[in-house]
Amino acid sequence: MPAPARCPTCDQRIFNRRLALCEFCGALLPLSELLSPEELEADEDRVDAEARRARFERRLDRDERAEVRRRRRRGFGWGFPLGPFG
């Protein structure tokens, strides 16, 4: 595995290759240490896909919980009707 990229000014590790400035000293980082436009686009696509998947999973969880509540109200959850108070 290659060594982590370091700021040429303060020698601190570069944690975010999307930023043009060093997060420690504020120096301008060389282009060779930053993500290329293609890498940036791929990273944005990955983040967007993860966000869509998370929204879908939350929606699915919400829909599943609503279906369980509907079934319980109809008596399907326990195998018998809940009666006049359920």
Protein backbone atom coordinates (compact mmCIF):
# COMPACT_ATOMS: atom_id res chain seq x y z
CA MET A 1 0.00 0.00 0.00
CA PRO A 2 1.42 3.42 -0.93
CA ALA A 3 2.36 5.88 1.79
CA PRO A 4 -0.35 8.45 2.57
CA ALA A 5 -0.06 11.80 0.80
CA ARG A 6 1.48 14.58 2.86
CA CYS A 7 1.34 18.36 2.67
CA PRO A 8 4.64 19.68 1.23
CA THR A 9 4.51 22.69 3.58
CA CYS A 10 3.72 21.22 7.01
CA ASP A 11 4.25 17.48 6.30
CA GLN A 12 0.86 16.60 7.81
CA ARG A 13 -1.13 13.76 6.27
CA ILE A 14 -3.73 14.83 3.68
CA PHE A 15 -7.02 13.38 4.84
CA ASN A 16 -9.35 14.96 2.27
CA ARG A 17 -8.05 14.90 -1.29
CA ARG A 18 -11.13 16.83 -2.47
CA LEU A 19 -9.89 20.05 -0.84
CA ALA A 20 -7.29 22.20 -2.58
CA LEU A 21 -5.95 23.56 0.73
CA CYS A 22 -4.20 21.74 3.56
CA GLU A 23 -6.58 21.43 6.50
CA PHE A 24 -3.70 22.04 8.95
CA CYS A 25 -1.67 24.93 7.55
CA GLY A 26 -3.90 26.23 4.73
CA ALA A 27 -1.21 25.85 2.06
CA LEU A 28 -2.23 25.17 -1.52
CA LEU A 29 -1.76 21.46 -2.25
CA PRO A 30 -0.17 20.25 -5.48
CA LEU A 31 -2.60 18.97 -8.12
CA SER A 32 -0.88 15.58 -8.04
CA GLU A 33 -2.14 15.06 -4.48
CA LEU A 34 -5.77 16.01 -5.25
CA LEU A 35 -8.47 13.80 -6.73
CA SER A 36 -8.73 14.04 -10.49
CA PRO A 37 -12.02 15.24 -12.02
CA GLU A 38 -12.80 11.63 -12.95
CA GLU A 39 -12.14 10.46 -9.38
CA LEU A 40 -14.28 13.29 -8.01
CA GLU A 41 -17.17 12.35 -10.30
CA ALA A 42 -16.87 8.66 -9.37
CA ASP A 43 -16.82 9.59 -5.69
CA GLU A 44 -19.91 11.81 -6.07
CA ASP A 45 -21.70 9.01 -7.94
CA ARG A 46 -20.83 6.57 -5.13
CA VAL A 47 -22.09 8.98 -2.45
CA ASP A 48 -25.30 9.61 -4.42
CA ALA A 49 -25.89 5.86 -4.82
CA GLU A 50 -25.35 5.32 -1.09
CA ALA A 51 -27.79 8.12 -0.26
CA ARG A 52 -30.42 6.68 -2.63
CA ARG A 53 -29.97 3.22 -1.10
CA ALA A 54 -30.29 4.62 2.44
CA ARG A 55 -33.49 6.52 1.49
CA PHE A 56 -34.91 3.37 -0.09
CA GLU A 57 -34.08 1.30 3.01
CA ARG A 58 -35.68 3.90 5.31
CA ARG A 59 -38.78 3.98 3.10
CA LEU A 60 -38.89 0.18 3.05
CA ASP A 61 -38.54 0.03 6.84
CA ARG A 62 -41.33 2.59 7.21
CA ASP A 63 -43.59 0.66 4.82
CA GLU A 64 -42.86 -2.64 6.59
CA ARG A 65 -43.70 -1.12 9.98
CA ALA A 66 -46.94 0.29 8.56
CA GLU A 67 -47.85 -3.14 7.13
CA VAL A 68 -47.22 -4.80 10.51
CA ARG A 69 -49.49 -2.24 12.19
CA ARG A 70 -52.21 -2.84 9.55
CA ARG A 71 -51.98 -6.59 10.03
CA ARG A 72 -52.16 -6.28 13.79
CA ARG A 73 -55.23 -4.08 13.52
CA ARG A 74 -56.84 -6.70 11.28
CA GLY A 75 -55.79 -9.49 13.62
CA PHE A 76 -53.26 -11.15 11.32
CA GLY A 77 -50.30 -10.42 13.55
CA TRP A 78 -51.33 -12.68 16.43
CA GLY A 79 -53.71 -15.09 14.73
CA PHE A 80 -56.88 -13.70 16.30
CA PRO A 81 -58.81 -10.43 16.17
CA LEU A 82 -57.87 -7.82 18.75
CA GLY A 83 -61.48 -7.26 19.69
CA PRO A 84 -63.48 -4.06 20.08
CA PHE A 85 -60.67 -2.21 21.88
CA GLY A 86 -57.80 -3.03 19.46
